[in-house]
Amino acid sequence: MQKLAVDSNSLTCMVDVTTPGYDPRRDRSKVCAERVAMLRIELYMNSKDRIYVLPAVEEEYQRIPEEHRLFLHDNMILFSKRPVAI
């Protein structure tokens, strides 16, 4: 089993790229490549690998004022803490 620790920017990239309607072909931001890279990492991880969200990252994203964005981050955190078969 391997763990990948993510910072707040990486977490947000994961949230952005997994949001329904996201299309990297239309993404003109400077972080498009990072968003796609985070998705690839998630897709290529095997079922025993986990994404580890640092406590400081959880504290930081909890300050997101937009309720829907906060909800999306919460869901990503819950997904990253999925049970791991040993």
PDB file of N, CA and C in Angstrom:
ATOM      1  N   MET A   1       0.851  -1.176   0.000  1.00  0.00           N
ATOM      2  CA  MET A   1       0.000   0.000   0.000  1.00  0.00           C
ATOM      3  C   MET A   1       0.893   1.234   0.000  1.00  0.00           C
ATOM      4  N   GLN A   2       0.536   2.186  -0.814  1.00  0.00           N
ATOM      5  CA  GLN A   2       1.255   3.445  -0.862  1.00  0.00           C
ATOM      6  C   GLN A   2       0.298   4.578  -0.519  1.00  0.00           C
ATOM      7  N   LYS A   3       0.844   5.637   0.074  1.00  0.00           N
ATOM      8  CA  LYS A   3       0.063   6.824   0.381  1.00  0.00           C
ATOM      9  C   LYS A   3       0.632   8.001  -0.384  1.00  0.00           C
ATOM     10  N   LEU A   4      -0.238   8.843  -0.855  1.00  0.00           N
ATOM     11  CA  LEU A   4       0.160  10.061  -1.534  1.00  0.00           C
ATOM     12  C   LEU A   4      -0.411  11.228  -0.743  1.00  0.00           C
ATOM     13  N   ALA A   5       0.455  12.027  -0.141  1.00  0.00           N
ATOM     14  CA  ALA A   5       0.004  13.203   0.606  1.00  0.00           C
ATOM     15  C   ALA A   5      -0.237  14.341  -0.372  1.00  0.00           C
ATOM     16  N   VAL A   6      -1.343  15.045  -0.185  1.00  0.00           N
ATOM     17  CA  VAL A   6      -1.662  16.159  -1.075  1.00  0.00           C
ATOM     18  C   VAL A   6      -1.766  17.452  -0.279  1.00  0.00           C
ATOM     19  N   ASP A   7      -1.364  18.537  -0.922  1.00  0.00           N
ATOM     20  CA  ASP A   7      -1.534  19.851  -0.315  1.00  0.00           C
ATOM     21  C   ASP A   7      -2.889  20.414  -0.744  1.00  0.00           C
ATOM     22  N   SER A   8      -3.201  21.607  -0.286  1.00  0.00           N
ATOM     23  CA  SER A   8      -4.523  22.166  -0.577  1.00  0.00           C
ATOM     24  C   SER A   8      -4.721  22.452  -2.064  1.00  0.00           C
ATOM     25  N   ASN A   9      -3.667  22.864  -2.756  1.00  0.00           N
ATOM     26  CA  ASN A   9      -3.791  23.116  -4.194  1.00  0.00           C
ATOM     27  C   ASN A   9      -4.064  21.831  -4.958  1.00  0.00           C
ATOM     28  N   SER A  10      -3.379  20.756  -4.588  1.00  0.00           N
ATOM     29  CA  SER A  10      -3.606  19.463  -5.245  1.00  0.00           C
ATOM     30  C   SER A  10      -5.014  18.956  -4.980  1.00  0.00           C
ATOM     31  N   LEU A  11      -5.484  19.135  -3.753  1.00  0.00           N
ATOM     32  CA  LEU A  11      -6.847  18.719  -3.421  1.00  0.00           C
ATOM     33  C   LEU A  11      -7.857  19.484  -4.274  1.00  0.00           C
ATOM     34  N   THR A  12      -7.664  20.782  -4.400  1.00  0.00           N
ATOM     35  CA  THR A  12      -8.577  21.587  -5.215  1.00  0.00           C
ATOM     36  C   THR A  12      -8.508  21.172  -6.678  1.00  0.00           C
ATOM     37  N   CYS A  13      -7.328  20.836  -7.164  1.00  0.00           N
ATOM     38  CA  CYS A  13      -7.216  20.338  -8.544  1.00  0.00           C
ATOM     39  C   CYS A  13      -8.023  19.061  -8.710  1.00  0.00           C
ATOM     40  N   MET A  14      -7.964  18.173  -7.724  1.00  0.00           N
ATOM     41  CA  MET A  14      -8.742  16.935  -7.796  1.00  0.00           C
ATOM     42  C   MET A  14     -10.239  17.229  -7.791  1.00  0.00           C
ATOM     43  N   VAL A  15     -10.644  18.159  -6.957  1.00  0.00           N
ATOM     44  CA  VAL A  15     -12.057  18.547  -6.904  1.00  0.00           C
ATOM     45  C   VAL A  15     -12.489  19.118  -8.250  1.00  0.00           C
ATOM     46  N   ASP A  16     -11.693  20.020  -8.789  1.00  0.00           N
ATOM     47  CA  ASP A  16     -12.049  20.672 -10.056  1.00  0.00           C
ATOM     48  C   ASP A  16     -12.173  19.672 -11.201  1.00  0.00           C
ATOM     49  N   VAL A  17     -11.214  18.772 -11.299  1.00  0.00           N
ATOM     50  CA  VAL A  17     -11.184  17.864 -12.444  1.00  0.00           C
ATOM     51  C   VAL A  17     -12.257  16.778 -12.348  1.00  0.00           C
ATOM     52  N   THR A  18     -12.768  16.504 -11.152  1.00  0.00           N
ATOM     53  CA  THR A  18     -13.813  15.483 -11.005  1.00  0.00           C
ATOM     54  C   THR A  18     -15.211  16.084 -10.928  1.00  0.00           C
ATOM     55  N   THR A  19     -15.311  17.390 -11.053  1.00  0.00           N
ATOM     56  CA  THR A  19     -16.615  18.053 -11.046  1.00  0.00           C
ATOM     57  C   THR A  19     -17.311  17.788 -12.382  1.00  0.00           C
ATOM     58  N   PRO A  20     -18.568  17.336 -12.339  1.00  0.00           N
ATOM     59  CA  PRO A  20     -19.285  17.083 -13.596  1.00  0.00           C
ATOM     60  C   PRO A  20     -19.255  18.311 -14.510  1.00  0.00           C
ATOM     61  N   GLY A  21     -18.988  18.057 -15.770  1.00  0.00           N
ATOM     62  CA  GLY A  21     -18.938  19.134 -16.742  1.00  0.00           C
ATOM     63  C   GLY A  21     -17.540  19.657 -17.012  1.00  0.00           C
ATOM     64  N   TYR A  22     -16.557  19.250 -16.186  1.00  0.00           N
ATOM     65  CA  TYR A  22     -15.190  19.718 -16.420  1.00  0.00           C
ATOM     66  C   TYR A  22     -14.672  19.116 -17.722  1.00  0.00           C
ATOM     67  N   ASP A  23     -14.082  19.952 -18.555  1.00  0.00           N
ATOM     68  CA  ASP A  23     -13.523  19.510 -19.835  1.00  0.00           C
ATOM     69  C   ASP A  23     -12.140  20.131 -19.987  1.00  0.00           C
ATOM     70  N   PRO A  24     -11.081  19.323 -19.905  1.00  0.00           N
ATOM     71  CA  PRO A  24      -9.731  19.886 -20.003  1.00  0.00           C
ATOM     72  C   PRO A  24      -9.455  20.571 -21.341  1.00  0.00           C
ATOM     73  N   ARG A  25     -10.195  20.209 -22.371  1.00  0.00           N
ATOM     74  CA  ARG A  25      -9.988  20.863 -23.668  1.00  0.00           C
ATOM     75  C   ARG A  25     -10.434  22.316 -23.634  1.00  0.00           C
ATOM     76  N   ARG A  26     -11.323  22.640 -22.702  1.00  0.00           N
ATOM     77  CA  ARG A  26     -11.821  24.020 -22.585  1.00  0.00           C
ATOM     78  C   ARG A  26     -11.182  24.783 -21.431  1.00  0.00           C
ATOM     79  N   ASP A  27     -10.355  24.106 -20.674  1.00  0.00           N
ATOM     80  CA  ASP A  27      -9.711  24.720 -19.511  1.00  0.00           C
ATOM     81  C   ASP A  27      -8.504  25.524 -19.983  1.00  0.00           C
ATOM     82  N   ARG A  28      -8.595  26.834 -19.885  1.00  0.00           N
ATOM     83  CA  ARG A  28      -7.505  27.715 -20.313  1.00  0.00           C
ATOM     84  C   ARG A  28      -6.683  28.233 -19.134  1.00  0.00           C
ATOM     85  N   SER A  29      -6.924  27.673 -17.958  1.00  0.00           N
ATOM     86  CA  SER A  29      -6.183  28.135 -16.786  1.00  0.00           C
ATOM     87  C   SER A  29      -4.754  27.596 -16.811  1.00  0.00           C
ATOM     88  N   LYS A  30      -3.919  28.187 -15.989  1.00  0.00           N
ATOM     89  CA  LYS A  30      -2.523  27.770 -15.917  1.00  0.00           C
ATOM     90  C   LYS A  30      -2.353  26.457 -15.165  1.00  0.00           C
ATOM     91  N   VAL A  31      -3.400  25.984 -14.497  1.00  0.00           N
ATOM     92  CA  VAL A  31      -3.290  24.745 -13.729  1.00  0.00           C
ATOM     93  C   VAL A  31      -4.000  23.567 -14.398  1.00  0.00           C
ATOM     94  N   CYS A  32      -4.341  23.692 -15.656  1.00  0.00           N
ATOM     95  CA  CYS A  32      -5.009  22.604 -16.367  1.00  0.00           C
ATOM     96  C   CYS A  32      -4.174  21.324 -16.315  1.00  0.00           C
ATOM     97  N   ALA A  33      -2.902  21.430 -16.586  1.00  0.00           N
ATOM     98  CA  ALA A  33      -2.031  20.248 -16.589  1.00  0.00           C
ATOM     99  C   ALA A  33      -1.986  19.598 -15.210  1.00  0.00           C
ATOM    100  N   GLU A  34      -1.968  20.413 -14.160  1.00  0.00           N
ATOM    101  CA  GLU A  34      -1.954  19.873 -12.801  1.00  0.00           C
ATOM    102  C   GLU A  34      -3.269  19.170 -12.482  1.00  0.00           C
ATOM    103  N   ARG A  35      -4.373  19.728 -12.944  1.00  0.00           N
ATOM    104  CA  ARG A  35      -5.670  19.091 -12.717  1.00  0.00           C
ATOM    105  C   ARG A  35      -5.721  17.711 -13.371  1.00  0.00           C
ATOM    106  N   VAL A  36      -5.297  17.652 -14.612  1.00  0.00           N
ATOM    107  CA  VAL A  36      -5.298  16.383 -15.337  1.00  0.00           C
ATOM    108  C   VAL A  36      -4.325  15.397 -14.687  1.00  0.00           C
ATOM    109  N   ALA A  37      -3.189  15.875 -14.231  1.00  0.00           N
ATOM    110  CA  ALA A  37      -2.211  15.004 -13.569  1.00  0.00           C
ATOM    111  C   ALA A  37      -2.794  14.398 -12.298  1.00  0.00           C
ATOM    112  N   MET A  38      -3.519  15.183 -11.521  1.00  0.00           N
ATOM    113  CA  MET A  38      -4.121  14.652 -10.294  1.00  0.00           C
ATOM    114  C   MET A  38      -5.174  13.596 -10.616  1.00  0.00           C
ATOM    115  N   LEU A  39      -5.925  13.784 -11.670  1.00  0.00           N
ATOM    116  CA  LEU A  39      -6.904  12.779 -12.071  1.00  0.00           C
ATOM    117  C   LEU A  39      -6.190  11.496 -12.494  1.00  0.00           C
ATOM    118  N   ARG A  40      -5.136  11.621 -13.269  1.00  0.00           N
ATOM    119  CA  ARG A  40      -4.385  10.440 -13.698  1.00  0.00           C
ATOM    120  C   ARG A  40      -3.823   9.681 -12.505  1.00  0.00           C
ATOM    121  N   ILE A  41      -3.301  10.408 -11.535  1.00  0.00           N
ATOM    122  CA  ILE A  41      -2.774   9.753 -10.334  1.00  0.00           C
ATOM    123  C   ILE A  41      -3.882   8.953  -9.659  1.00  0.00           C
ATOM    124  N   GLU A  42      -5.036   9.568  -9.494  1.00  0.00           N
ATOM    125  CA  GLU A  42      -6.159   8.883  -8.852  1.00  0.00           C
ATOM    126  C   GLU A  42      -6.581   7.649  -9.650  1.00  0.00           C
ATOM    127  N   LEU A  43      -6.641   7.767 -10.953  1.00  0.00           N
ATOM    128  CA  LEU A  43      -7.086   6.646 -11.785  1.00  0.00           C
ATOM    129  C   LEU A  43      -6.075   5.505 -11.820  1.00  0.00           C
ATOM    130  N   TYR A  44      -4.796   5.816 -11.737  1.00  0.00           N
ATOM    131  CA  TYR A  44      -3.769   4.779 -11.819  1.00  0.00           C
ATOM    132  C   TYR A  44      -3.415   4.158 -10.474  1.00  0.00           C
ATOM    133  N   MET A  45      -3.923   4.705  -9.392  1.00  0.00           N
ATOM    134  CA  MET A  45      -3.659   4.106  -8.086  1.00  0.00           C
ATOM    135  C   MET A  45      -4.449   2.806  -7.985  1.00  0.00           C
ATOM    136  N   ASN A  46      -3.851   1.795  -7.349  1.00  0.00           N
ATOM    137  CA  ASN A  46      -4.616   0.565  -7.174  1.00  0.00           C
ATOM    138  C   ASN A  46      -5.490   0.672  -5.941  1.00  0.00           C
ATOM    139  N   SER A  47      -6.317  -0.307  -5.718  1.00  0.00           N
ATOM    140  CA  SER A  47      -7.328  -0.225  -4.653  1.00  0.00           C
ATOM    141  C   SER A  47      -6.731  -0.150  -3.255  1.00  0.00           C
ATOM    142  N   LYS A  48      -5.474  -0.541  -3.076  1.00  0.00           N
ATOM    143  CA  LYS A  48      -4.854  -0.488  -1.750  1.00  0.00           C
ATOM    144  C   LYS A  48      -4.149   0.841  -1.490  1.00  0.00           C
ATOM    145  N   ASP A  49      -3.908   1.606  -2.543  1.00  0.00           N
ATOM    146  CA  ASP A  49      -3.260   2.906  -2.380  1.00  0.00           C
ATOM    147  C   ASP A  49      -4.259   3.929  -1.840  1.00  0.00           C
ATOM    148  N   ARG A  50      -3.750   4.932  -1.149  1.00  0.00           N
ATOM    149  CA  ARG A  50      -4.624   5.954  -0.580  1.00  0.00           C
ATOM    150  C   ARG A  50      -4.046   7.334  -0.803  1.00  0.00           C
ATOM    151  N   ILE A  51      -4.952   8.276  -0.904  1.00  0.00           N
ATOM    152  CA  ILE A  51      -4.563   9.683  -0.905  1.00  0.00           C
ATOM    153  C   ILE A  51      -4.692  10.159   0.534  1.00  0.00           C
ATOM    154  N   TYR A  52      -3.635  10.742   1.049  1.00  0.00           N
ATOM    155  CA  TYR A  52      -3.624  11.219   2.424  1.00  0.00           C
ATOM    156  C   TYR A  52      -3.726  12.735   2.422  1.00  0.00           C
ATOM    157  N   VAL A  53      -4.759  13.225   3.070  1.00  0.00           N
ATOM    158  CA  VAL A  53      -4.973  14.667   3.163  1.00  0.00           C
ATOM    159  C   VAL A  53      -4.477  15.123   4.534  1.00  0.00           C
ATOM    160  N   LEU A  54      -3.483  15.967   4.517  1.00  0.00           N
ATOM    161  CA  LEU A  54      -2.879  16.447   5.758  1.00  0.00           C
ATOM    162  C   LEU A  54      -3.891  17.229   6.591  1.00  0.00           C
ATOM    163  N   PRO A  55      -3.803  17.147   7.915  1.00  0.00           N
ATOM    164  CA  PRO A  55      -4.731  17.892   8.771  1.00  0.00           C
ATOM    165  C   PRO A  55      -4.743  19.393   8.478  1.00  0.00           C
ATOM    166  N   ALA A  56      -3.592  19.959   8.178  1.00  0.00           N
ATOM    167  CA  ALA A  56      -3.539  21.395   7.858  1.00  0.00           C
ATOM    168  C   ALA A  56      -4.339  21.709   6.604  1.00  0.00           C
ATOM    169  N   VAL A  57      -4.355  20.777   5.655  1.00  0.00           N
ATOM    170  CA  VAL A  57      -5.129  20.959   4.436  1.00  0.00           C
ATOM    171  C   VAL A  57      -6.617  20.945   4.757  1.00  0.00           C
ATOM    172  N   GLU A  58      -7.037  20.020   5.627  1.00  0.00           N
ATOM    173  CA  GLU A  58      -8.449  19.980   6.035  1.00  0.00           C
ATOM    174  C   GLU A  58      -8.851  21.291   6.703  1.00  0.00           C
ATOM    175  N   GLU A  59      -8.004  21.814   7.576  1.00  0.00           N
ATOM    176  CA  GLU A  59      -8.306  23.084   8.236  1.00  0.00           C
ATOM    177  C   GLU A  59      -8.426  24.214   7.226  1.00  0.00           C
ATOM    178  N   GLU A  60      -7.556  24.198   6.233  1.00  0.00           N
ATOM    179  CA  GLU A  60      -7.557  25.265   5.236  1.00  0.00           C
ATOM    180  C   GLU A  60      -8.809  25.227   4.358  1.00  0.00           C
ATOM    181  N   TYR A  61      -9.165  24.052   3.865  1.00  0.00           N
ATOM    182  CA  TYR A  61     -10.325  24.016   2.971  1.00  0.00           C
ATOM    183  C   TYR A  61     -11.635  24.254   3.722  1.00  0.00           C
ATOM    184  N   GLN A  62     -11.659  24.022   5.032  1.00  0.00           N
ATOM    185  CA  GLN A  62     -12.869  24.289   5.818  1.00  0.00           C
ATOM    186  C   GLN A  62     -13.222  25.779   5.826  1.00  0.00           C
ATOM    187  N   ARG A  63     -12.279  26.619   5.464  1.00  0.00           N
ATOM    188  CA  ARG A  63     -12.530  28.062   5.418  1.00  0.00           C
ATOM    189  C   ARG A  63     -13.088  28.523   4.072  1.00  0.00           C
ATOM    190  N   ILE A  64     -13.359  27.607   3.166  1.00  0.00           N
ATOM    191  CA  ILE A  64     -13.934  27.978   1.869  1.00  0.00           C
ATOM    192  C   ILE A  64     -15.328  28.549   2.104  1.00  0.00           C
ATOM    193  N   PRO A  65     -15.586  29.780   1.676  1.00  0.00           N
ATOM    194  CA  PRO A  65     -16.872  30.415   1.968  1.00  0.00           C
ATOM    195  C   PRO A  65     -18.034  29.900   1.107  1.00  0.00           C
ATOM    196  N   GLU A  66     -17.741  29.449  -0.097  1.00  0.00           N
ATOM    197  CA  GLU A  66     -18.809  28.996  -0.992  1.00  0.00           C
ATOM    198  C   GLU A  66     -19.252  27.587  -0.589  1.00  0.00           C
ATOM    199  N   GLU A  67     -20.522  27.469  -0.228  1.00  0.00           N
ATOM    200  CA  GLU A  67     -21.044  26.223   0.324  1.00  0.00           C
ATOM    201  C   GLU A  67     -20.876  25.028  -0.619  1.00  0.00           C
ATOM    202  N   HIS A  68     -21.154  25.226  -1.896  1.00  0.00           N
ATOM    203  CA  HIS A  68     -21.040  24.115  -2.846  1.00  0.00           C
ATOM    204  C   HIS A  68     -19.592  23.646  -2.995  1.00  0.00           C
ATOM    205  N   ARG A  69     -18.640  24.584  -3.061  1.00  0.00           N
ATOM    206  CA  ARG A  69     -17.216  24.214  -3.159  1.00  0.00           C
ATOM    207  C   ARG A  69     -16.754  23.474  -1.905  1.00  0.00           C
ATOM    208  N   LEU A  70     -17.227  23.926  -0.754  1.00  0.00           N
ATOM    209  CA  LEU A  70     -16.907  23.250   0.496  1.00  0.00           C
ATOM    210  C   LEU A  70     -17.443  21.823   0.481  1.00  0.00           C
ATOM    211  N   PHE A  71     -18.675  21.652   0.000  1.00  0.00           N
ATOM    212  CA  PHE A  71     -19.299  20.331  -0.113  1.00  0.00           C
ATOM    213  C   PHE A  71     -18.453  19.419  -1.010  1.00  0.00           C
ATOM    214  N   LEU A  72     -17.986  19.933  -2.141  1.00  0.00           N
ATOM    215  CA  LEU A  72     -17.175  19.135  -3.059  1.00  0.00           C
ATOM    216  C   LEU A  72     -15.855  18.707  -2.406  1.00  0.00           C
ATOM    217  N   HIS A  73     -15.247  19.602  -1.651  1.00  0.00           N
ATOM    218  CA  HIS A  73     -14.012  19.259  -0.947  1.00  0.00           C
ATOM    219  C   HIS A  73     -14.282  18.212   0.131  1.00  0.00           C
ATOM    220  N   ASP A  74     -15.376  18.372   0.871  1.00  0.00           N
ATOM    221  CA  ASP A  74     -15.745  17.370   1.888  1.00  0.00           C
ATOM    222  C   ASP A  74     -15.900  15.989   1.264  1.00  0.00           C
ATOM    223  N   ASN A  75     -16.574  15.933   0.125  1.00  0.00           N
ATOM    224  CA  ASN A  75     -16.766  14.652  -0.541  1.00  0.00           C
ATOM    225  C   ASN A  75     -15.443  14.049  -0.991  1.00  0.00           C
ATOM    226  N   MET A  76     -14.538  14.870  -1.491  1.00  0.00           N
ATOM    227  CA  MET A  76     -13.241  14.356  -1.909  1.00  0.00           C
ATOM    228  C   MET A  76     -12.473  13.805  -0.714  1.00  0.00           C
ATOM    229  N   ILE A  77     -12.572  14.477   0.430  1.00  0.00           N
ATOM    230  CA  ILE A  77     -11.909  14.004   1.644  1.00  0.00           C
ATOM    231  C   ILE A  77     -12.495  12.660   2.061  1.00  0.00           C
ATOM    232  N   LEU A  78     -13.815  12.543   2.051  1.00  0.00           N
ATOM    233  CA  LEU A  78     -14.448  11.277   2.419  1.00  0.00           C
ATOM    234  C   LEU A  78     -14.018  10.165   1.472  1.00  0.00           C
ATOM    235  N   PHE A  79     -13.947  10.475   0.194  1.00  0.00           N
ATOM    236  CA  PHE A  79     -13.508   9.483  -0.776  1.00  0.00           C
ATOM    237  C   PHE A  79     -12.073   9.067  -0.530  1.00  0.00           C
ATOM    238  N   SER A  80     -11.228  10.009  -0.151  1.00  0.00           N
ATOM    239  CA  SER A  80      -9.818   9.683   0.067  1.00  0.00           C
ATOM    240  C   SER A  80      -9.619   8.835   1.321  1.00  0.00           C
ATOM    241  N   LYS A  81     -10.609   8.842   2.200  1.00  0.00           N
ATOM    242  CA  LYS A  81     -10.515   8.043   3.430  1.00  0.00           C
ATOM    243  C   LYS A  81     -11.277   6.726   3.314  1.00  0.00           C
ATOM    244  N   ARG A  82     -11.527   6.305   2.075  1.00  0.00           N
ATOM    245  CA  ARG A  82     -12.253   5.057   1.881  1.00  0.00           C
ATOM    246  C   ARG A  82     -11.509   3.905   2.560  1.00  0.00           C
ATOM    247  N   PRO A  83     -12.249   2.881   2.999  1.00  0.00           N
ATOM    248  CA  PRO A  83     -11.583   1.745   3.658  1.00  0.00           C
ATOM    249  C   PRO A  83     -10.566   1.091   2.733  1.00  0.00           C
ATOM    250  N   VAL A  84      -9.497   0.667   3.332  1.00  0.00           N
ATOM    251  CA  VAL A  84      -8.421   0.035   2.564  1.00  0.00           C
ATOM    252  C   VAL A  84      -8.336  -1.423   2.938  1.00  0.00           C
ATOM    253  N   ALA A  85      -8.396  -2.311   1.959  1.00  0.00           N
ATOM    254  CA  ALA A  85      -8.243  -3.735   2.206  1.00  0.00           C
ATOM    255  C   ALA A  85      -6.761  -4.048   2.386  1.00  0.00           C
ATOM    256  N   ILE A  86      -6.450  -4.800   3.411  1.00  0.00           N
ATOM    257  CA  ILE A  86      -5.039  -5.151   3.682  1.00  0.00           C
ATOM    258  C   ILE A  86      -4.814  -6.615   3.377  1.00  0.00           C
TER     259      ILE A  86
END
